[in-house]
Amino acid sequence: MIGRLLQRRRGGASAAVADADVVDALATGLVSEDLLRRIERLSLRIRRPLPGGPAGEHLGRGSSASIEFSDHRAYAPGDDFRRIDWNALARLDELTIRVTEAREDVGLYLVLDCSNSMVAGDGAKATLARQLAAGLGYLALNQLDVVRIYGLGDGMVSRSPRYSGRKQGADVFRLLRALPVQPVTNLTSAFATFLADRPAQGMLLVLSDLLTSTDYRAGLRRVVQAGFEVGMVHILSEAELNPRMAGDVELIDSETGETIKISLTLDTLSNYKRDVEHWRQDIADDCRSIGVRYIPVQAERSLDAILLGDLRRYGLLE
């Protein structure tokens, strides 16, 4: 019974489409100023060293030649003589080189599922995805990292320019509010398009309900193999996790229009909930096996709790 969000058919309606009021609501405010000030104290947590261009404020692992001085160490044959600290040699009569900390210009790539299943019902999943993208994008720009936004439908349906610097936060918010709603989701095609863009290595975050008929795992693996750090933010609604339906109903797929007639008994609902948990666990196991962070969130949970609590607990922020 696990599929795209299905809802009770009313009247003679055909395939469920995004409600106009829901779409309008997506274009309103995203993140409060108070929350933005609070997340300014956080930073993205990168688990692997990433090559970078201009130095940002994101502290990396290891050492490299950058402008952030860290310490001295004794000169060894083969060291770059340009890193010798001549002042220290004159004062201490010791040959040392300057060691610097790597500060990575992390490319943060935010891929948002814009399909009908995300806006079905009250649109809570799509709203949360855009809010999370706004908060994380602002945080990255505040660290002087580079941000790009991708809209996901049947492949990548929209791509933003490179945003960098705090002043472009408003541009990120404006783009997120204007993302179009798409009929279906195709993650496999989206990953291929993303890699074809030849972006600089960085962190890729997918915000989706993962209700797709395509097997995206091979594409996800290729993104990881290309050197990107990947996080999968899996957004499901309360209606999907704990449906409040009973009796004889006709269900309609919000993306394909497929209908199913079914009698919902207590046993049926119990089996459904069990299958959903198994499905989520399978996704978590697949992600873990290739080094992808899997972050399940409920659409109705508060944005503050997710940004300031859940994402820190899952190791995405620190």
Protein backbone atom coordinates (compact mmCIF):
# COMPACT_ATOMS: atom_id res chain seq x y z
CA MET A 1 0.00 0.00 0.00
CA ILE A 2 2.99 2.29 0.00
CA GLY A 3 2.72 4.71 -2.90
CA ARG A 4 2.31 8.39 -3.56
CA LEU A 5 -0.03 10.25 -1.25
CA LEU A 6 -3.52 8.93 -1.88
CA GLN A 7 -6.63 10.75 -0.80
CA ARG A 8 -10.35 10.09 -0.74
CA ARG A 9 -12.13 10.83 -4.03
CA ARG A 10 -14.82 13.47 -3.72
CA GLY A 11 -17.47 14.08 -6.34
CA GLY A 12 -16.38 13.32 -9.89
CA ALA A 13 -12.82 14.60 -9.56
CA SER A 14 -10.09 12.93 -11.54
CA ALA A 15 -6.40 12.87 -10.59
CA ALA A 16 -5.65 15.04 -7.58
CA VAL A 17 -3.85 18.27 -8.45
CA ALA A 18 -2.28 20.94 -6.33
CA ASP A 19 -4.93 23.07 -4.63
CA ALA A 20 -4.69 26.74 -5.66
CA ASP A 21 -4.82 27.90 -2.03
CA VAL A 22 -1.95 25.56 -1.15
CA VAL A 23 0.15 26.86 -4.04
CA ASP A 24 -0.54 30.46 -2.96
CA ALA A 25 0.46 29.62 0.60
CA LEU A 26 3.83 28.35 -0.61
CA ALA A 27 4.64 31.84 -1.89
CA THR A 28 4.31 33.49 1.55
CA GLY A 29 6.96 33.95 4.26
CA LEU A 30 9.41 31.13 4.84
CA VAL A 31 11.55 31.69 7.95
CA SER A 32 11.11 34.20 10.76
CA GLU A 33 13.83 36.76 11.45
CA ASP A 34 14.14 35.42 14.99
CA LEU A 35 14.90 31.90 13.73
CA LEU A 36 17.39 33.23 11.19
CA ARG A 37 19.29 34.99 13.97
CA ARG A 38 19.34 31.78 16.02
CA ILE A 39 20.65 29.56 13.23
CA GLU A 40 23.44 32.04 12.48
CA ARG A 41 25.28 30.41 15.40
CA LEU A 42 25.28 27.02 13.65
CA SER A 43 27.40 25.67 10.82
CA LEU A 44 27.18 22.86 8.28
CA ARG A 45 29.05 19.78 9.41
CA ILE A 46 31.19 18.27 6.67
CA ARG A 47 32.44 14.76 7.37
CA ARG A 48 35.01 14.55 4.56
CA PRO A 49 37.53 17.07 3.19
CA LEU A 50 36.17 18.78 0.10
CA PRO A 51 38.17 20.71 -2.47
CA GLY A 52 37.26 24.36 -2.52
CA GLY A 53 37.77 27.60 -4.33
CA PRO A 54 37.66 30.89 -2.43
CA ALA A 55 38.00 30.45 1.31
CA GLY A 56 34.68 30.50 3.14
CA GLU A 57 34.00 30.47 6.84
CA HIS A 58 33.30 26.75 6.95
CA LEU A 59 36.08 25.09 8.92
CA GLY A 60 37.33 21.95 7.19
CA ARG A 61 39.33 18.93 8.27
CA GLY A 62 43.10 18.70 7.77
CA SER A 63 45.51 21.40 6.68
CA SER A 64 46.13 23.27 3.45
CA ALA A 65 47.73 26.44 2.17
CA SER A 66 45.15 29.13 2.94
CA ILE A 67 45.11 32.44 4.75
CA GLU A 68 44.03 30.94 8.09
CA PHE A 69 47.23 30.54 10.17
CA SER A 70 47.18 27.60 12.55
CA ASP A 71 50.66 26.73 13.90
CA HIS A 72 54.35 26.19 13.15
CA ARG A 73 56.19 22.93 12.60
CA ALA A 74 59.80 22.06 11.89
CA TYR A 75 60.91 22.27 8.27
CA ALA A 76 61.37 18.89 6.55
CA PRO A 77 63.06 18.15 3.21
CA GLY A 78 60.52 18.54 0.42
CA ASP A 79 58.46 21.27 2.14
CA ASP A 80 57.57 24.34 0.07
CA PHE A 81 60.29 26.90 0.92
CA ARG A 82 57.73 29.68 0.36
CA ARG A 83 56.03 28.61 3.60
CA ILE A 84 59.18 29.08 5.69
CA ASP A 85 58.63 31.62 8.47
CA TRP A 86 61.67 33.87 7.97
CA ASN A 87 60.77 36.04 10.96
CA ALA A 88 60.84 33.01 13.24
CA LEU A 89 64.18 31.97 11.74
CA ALA A 90 65.65 35.41 12.49
CA ARG A 91 64.33 35.45 16.07
CA LEU A 92 64.79 31.82 17.11
CA ASP A 93 67.39 30.51 14.67
CA GLU A 94 65.02 27.64 13.89
CA LEU A 95 63.81 26.65 10.44
CA THR A 96 60.02 26.31 10.64
CA ILE A 97 57.09 26.52 8.23
CA ARG A 98 53.68 28.02 8.73
CA VAL A 99 50.80 25.51 8.91
CA THR A 100 47.32 26.71 7.99
CA GLU A 101 43.84 25.30 8.52
CA ALA A 102 41.71 24.34 5.56
CA ARG A 103 38.67 26.49 5.20
CA GLU A 104 36.45 25.08 2.49
CA ASP A 105 34.21 26.98 0.13
CA VAL A 106 31.46 24.39 0.47
CA GLY A 107 29.01 24.22 -2.39
CA LEU A 108 25.59 23.57 -0.85
CA TYR A 109 23.19 22.11 -3.41
CA LEU A 110 19.56 21.98 -2.30
CA VAL A 111 17.31 19.69 -4.37
CA LEU A 112 13.61 20.20 -3.63
CA ASP A 113 10.90 17.78 -4.69
CA CYS A 114 8.25 19.95 -6.40
CA SER A 115 5.86 17.13 -7.35
CA ASN A 116 2.12 16.94 -6.72
CA SER A 117 2.59 14.47 -3.89
CA MET A 118 4.47 17.15 -1.93
CA VAL A 119 1.56 19.60 -2.11
CA ALA A 120 -1.24 17.04 -1.72
CA GLY A 121 -3.50 17.56 1.27
CA ASP A 122 -2.64 20.80 3.04
CA GLY A 123 0.77 21.18 1.37
CA ALA A 124 2.66 20.75 4.65
CA LYS A 125 5.46 18.72 3.02
CA ALA A 126 6.17 21.28 0.31
CA THR A 127 6.00 24.13 2.82
CA LEU A 128 8.49 22.44 5.15
CA ALA A 129 10.86 21.58 2.28
CA ARG A 130 10.99 25.22 1.21
CA GLN A 131 11.38 26.45 4.77
CA LEU A 132 14.24 24.04 5.45
CA ALA A 133 15.91 25.04 2.18
CA ALA A 134 15.54 28.71 3.12
CA GLY A 135 17.07 28.18 6.56
CA LEU A 136 19.94 26.01 5.34
CA GLY A 137 20.60 28.27 2.36
CA TYR A 138 20.74 31.32 4.60
CA LEU A 139 23.08 29.51 6.98
CA ALA A 140 25.43 28.57 4.13
CA LEU A 141 25.43 32.10 2.70
CA ASN A 142 26.12 33.45 6.16
CA GLN A 143 29.24 31.25 6.18
CA LEU A 144 30.21 32.69 2.78
CA ASP A 145 29.60 29.33 1.12
CA VAL A 146 28.10 28.91 -2.37
CA VAL A 147 24.42 27.88 -2.68
CA ARG A 148 22.44 26.53 -5.63
CA ILE A 149 18.77 25.52 -5.67
CA TYR A 150 17.38 22.77 -7.89
CA GLY A 151 13.66 22.08 -8.44
CA LEU A 152 12.85 18.41 -8.87
CA GLY A 153 10.02 17.04 -11.01
CA ASP A 154 10.45 14.70 -13.98
CA GLY A 155 14.17 15.39 -13.71
CA MET A 156 15.55 18.80 -12.76
CA VAL A 157 12.94 21.37 -13.80
CA SER A 158 14.69 24.48 -12.50
CA ARG A 159 18.26 25.45 -11.60
CA SER A 160 19.34 28.58 -9.84
CA PRO A 161 22.50 30.58 -10.49
CA ARG A 162 25.30 30.38 -7.94
CA TYR A 163 24.45 32.41 -4.87
CA SER A 164 27.23 33.58 -2.57
CA GLY A 165 27.39 36.09 0.24
CA ARG A 166 24.89 37.15 2.85
CA LYS A 167 23.24 39.76 0.66
CA GLN A 168 21.88 37.08 -1.70
CA GLY A 169 19.70 35.50 0.97
CA ALA A 170 16.71 37.46 -0.34
CA ASP A 171 17.32 36.05 -3.83
CA VAL A 172 17.30 32.50 -2.44
CA PHE A 173 14.02 33.12 -0.61
CA ARG A 174 12.46 34.66 -3.70
CA LEU A 175 13.40 31.68 -5.85
CA LEU A 176 12.12 29.16 -3.31
CA ARG A 177 8.74 30.89 -3.14
CA ALA A 178 8.46 30.74 -6.95
CA LEU A 179 9.34 27.07 -7.51
CA PRO A 180 6.72 25.47 -9.80
CA VAL A 181 4.60 22.45 -8.85
CA GLN A 182 5.30 19.46 -11.09
CA PRO A 183 3.11 16.42 -11.92
CA VAL A 184 5.62 13.66 -11.05
CA THR A 185 9.01 12.88 -9.50
CA ASN A 186 11.99 11.27 -11.24
CA LEU A 187 15.01 11.24 -8.97
CA THR A 188 17.07 9.08 -11.31
CA SER A 189 16.85 11.65 -14.09
CA ALA A 190 17.45 14.47 -11.60
CA PHE A 191 20.71 12.97 -10.32
CA ALA A 192 21.95 12.46 -13.88
CA THR A 193 21.14 16.08 -14.75
CA PHE A 194 22.83 17.31 -11.60
CA LEU A 195 26.09 15.51 -12.41
CA ALA A 196 25.91 16.64 -16.04
CA ASP A 197 25.98 20.21 -14.70
CA ARG A 198 29.52 19.45 -13.49
CA PRO A 199 29.12 21.31 -10.18
CA ALA A 200 32.06 21.75 -7.83
CA GLN A 201 32.12 19.12 -5.12
CA GLY A 202 30.21 19.96 -1.98
CA MET A 203 27.14 18.94 -0.01
CA LEU A 204 23.96 17.82 -1.77
CA LEU A 205 20.74 17.80 0.26
CA VAL A 206 17.61 16.19 -1.19
CA LEU A 207 14.30 17.26 0.39
CA SER A 208 11.61 14.85 -0.79
CA ASP A 209 8.88 12.45 0.27
CA LEU A 210 10.61 9.85 -1.98
CA LEU A 211 7.23 8.76 -3.33
CA THR A 212 8.47 7.82 -6.75
CA SER A 213 8.09 4.79 -8.97
CA THR A 214 11.69 4.99 -10.23
CA ASP A 215 14.61 3.25 -8.54
CA TYR A 216 16.94 6.15 -7.75
CA ARG A 217 19.55 4.19 -5.76
CA ALA A 218 22.05 3.76 -8.61
CA GLY A 219 21.86 7.48 -9.38
CA LEU A 220 22.34 8.34 -5.71
CA ARG A 221 25.39 6.07 -5.55
CA ARG A 222 26.91 7.83 -8.58
CA VAL A 223 26.53 11.20 -6.84
CA VAL A 224 28.39 9.84 -3.81
CA GLN A 225 31.07 8.29 -6.01
CA ALA A 226 31.54 11.68 -7.68
CA GLY A 227 32.76 13.00 -4.32
CA PHE A 228 29.67 14.75 -2.97
CA GLU A 229 28.56 14.52 0.62
CA VAL A 230 24.85 13.69 0.46
CA GLY A 231 21.96 14.05 2.88
CA MET A 232 18.48 12.65 2.26
CA VAL A 233 15.82 14.62 4.15
CA HIS A 234 12.77 12.34 3.96
CA ILE A 235 9.58 14.32 4.58
CA LEU A 236 6.31 12.52 5.27
CA SER A 237 3.05 13.89 6.64
CA GLU A 238 0.98 12.75 9.59
CA ALA A 239 -1.70 11.59 7.13
CA GLU A 240 0.84 9.28 5.47
CA LEU A 241 2.27 7.96 8.72
CA ASN A 242 -1.04 7.62 10.59
CA PRO A 243 -3.98 7.78 8.16
CA ARG A 244 -7.35 8.67 9.69
CA MET A 245 -9.59 6.79 7.27
CA ALA A 246 -11.88 3.82 7.77
CA GLY A 247 -14.47 1.80 5.89
CA ASP A 248 -14.93 1.46 2.14
CA VAL A 249 -13.01 4.19 0.33
CA GLU A 250 -11.74 4.95 -3.13
CA LEU A 251 -8.22 6.30 -3.16
CA ILE A 252 -6.63 8.41 -5.85
CA ASP A 253 -2.93 8.79 -6.64
CA SER A 254 -2.04 12.49 -6.57
CA GLU A 255 0.49 12.12 -9.41
CA THR A 256 -0.78 9.43 -11.77
CA GLY A 257 -4.55 9.52 -11.20
CA GLU A 258 -4.58 5.77 -10.52
CA THR A 259 -7.49 4.75 -8.28
CA ILE A 260 -7.83 1.92 -5.76
CA LYS A 261 -11.00 0.75 -4.05
CA ILE A 262 -10.30 -0.70 -0.65
CA SER A 263 -11.92 -1.51 2.69
CA LEU A 264 -9.83 0.01 5.45
CA THR A 265 -10.04 -2.13 8.57
CA LEU A 266 -7.95 -1.94 11.70
CA ASP A 267 -5.82 -4.81 10.38
CA THR A 268 -5.35 -3.06 7.02
CA LEU A 269 -4.19 0.15 8.70
CA SER A 270 -1.90 -1.77 11.04
CA ASN A 271 -0.29 -3.57 8.10
CA TYR A 272 0.07 -0.27 6.25
CA LYS A 273 1.89 1.37 9.17
CA ARG A 274 4.18 -1.64 9.47
CA ASP A 275 4.98 -1.48 5.74
CA VAL A 276 5.73 2.23 5.94
CA GLU A 277 8.18 1.64 8.77
CA HIS A 278 9.87 -1.17 6.82
CA TRP A 279 10.08 1.09 3.76
CA ARG A 280 11.71 3.90 5.74
CA GLN A 281 14.13 1.46 7.36
CA ASP A 282 15.10 0.06 3.96
CA ILE A 283 15.85 3.60 2.74
CA ALA A 284 17.88 4.31 5.88
CA ASP A 285 19.89 1.09 5.40
CA ASP A 286 20.54 1.83 1.72
CA CYS A 287 21.70 5.34 2.57
CA ARG A 288 23.95 4.16 5.37
CA SER A 289 25.59 1.55 3.14
CA ILE A 290 26.91 4.25 0.77
CA GLY A 291 27.63 6.97 3.32
CA VAL A 292 24.50 9.09 2.84
CA ARG A 293 22.90 10.77 5.84
CA TYR A 294 19.24 9.72 6.14
CA ILE A 295 17.13 12.27 8.02
CA PRO A 296 13.43 11.42 8.48
CA VAL A 297 11.20 14.34 9.44
CA GLN A 298 7.46 14.79 9.88
CA ALA A 299 5.93 17.62 7.89
CA GLU A 300 3.90 18.98 10.81
CA ARG A 301 6.90 19.26 13.14
CA SER A 302 7.96 22.83 13.88
CA LEU A 303 10.72 24.36 11.78
CA ASP A 304 12.54 25.50 14.92
CA ALA A 305 12.62 21.97 16.33
CA ILE A 306 14.01 20.54 13.10
CA LEU A 307 16.68 23.19 12.39
CA LEU A 308 17.82 23.68 15.98
CA GLY A 309 17.33 20.11 17.19
CA ASP A 310 16.83 17.31 14.70
CA LEU A 311 19.45 18.37 12.15
CA ARG A 312 22.03 18.74 14.90
CA ARG A 313 21.14 15.33 16.31
CA TYR A 314 21.59 13.74 12.88
CA GLY A 315 24.97 15.45 12.49
CA LEU A 316 24.09 17.80 9.64
CA LEU A 317 24.56 20.96 11.70
CA GLU A 318 26.77 21.78 14.65
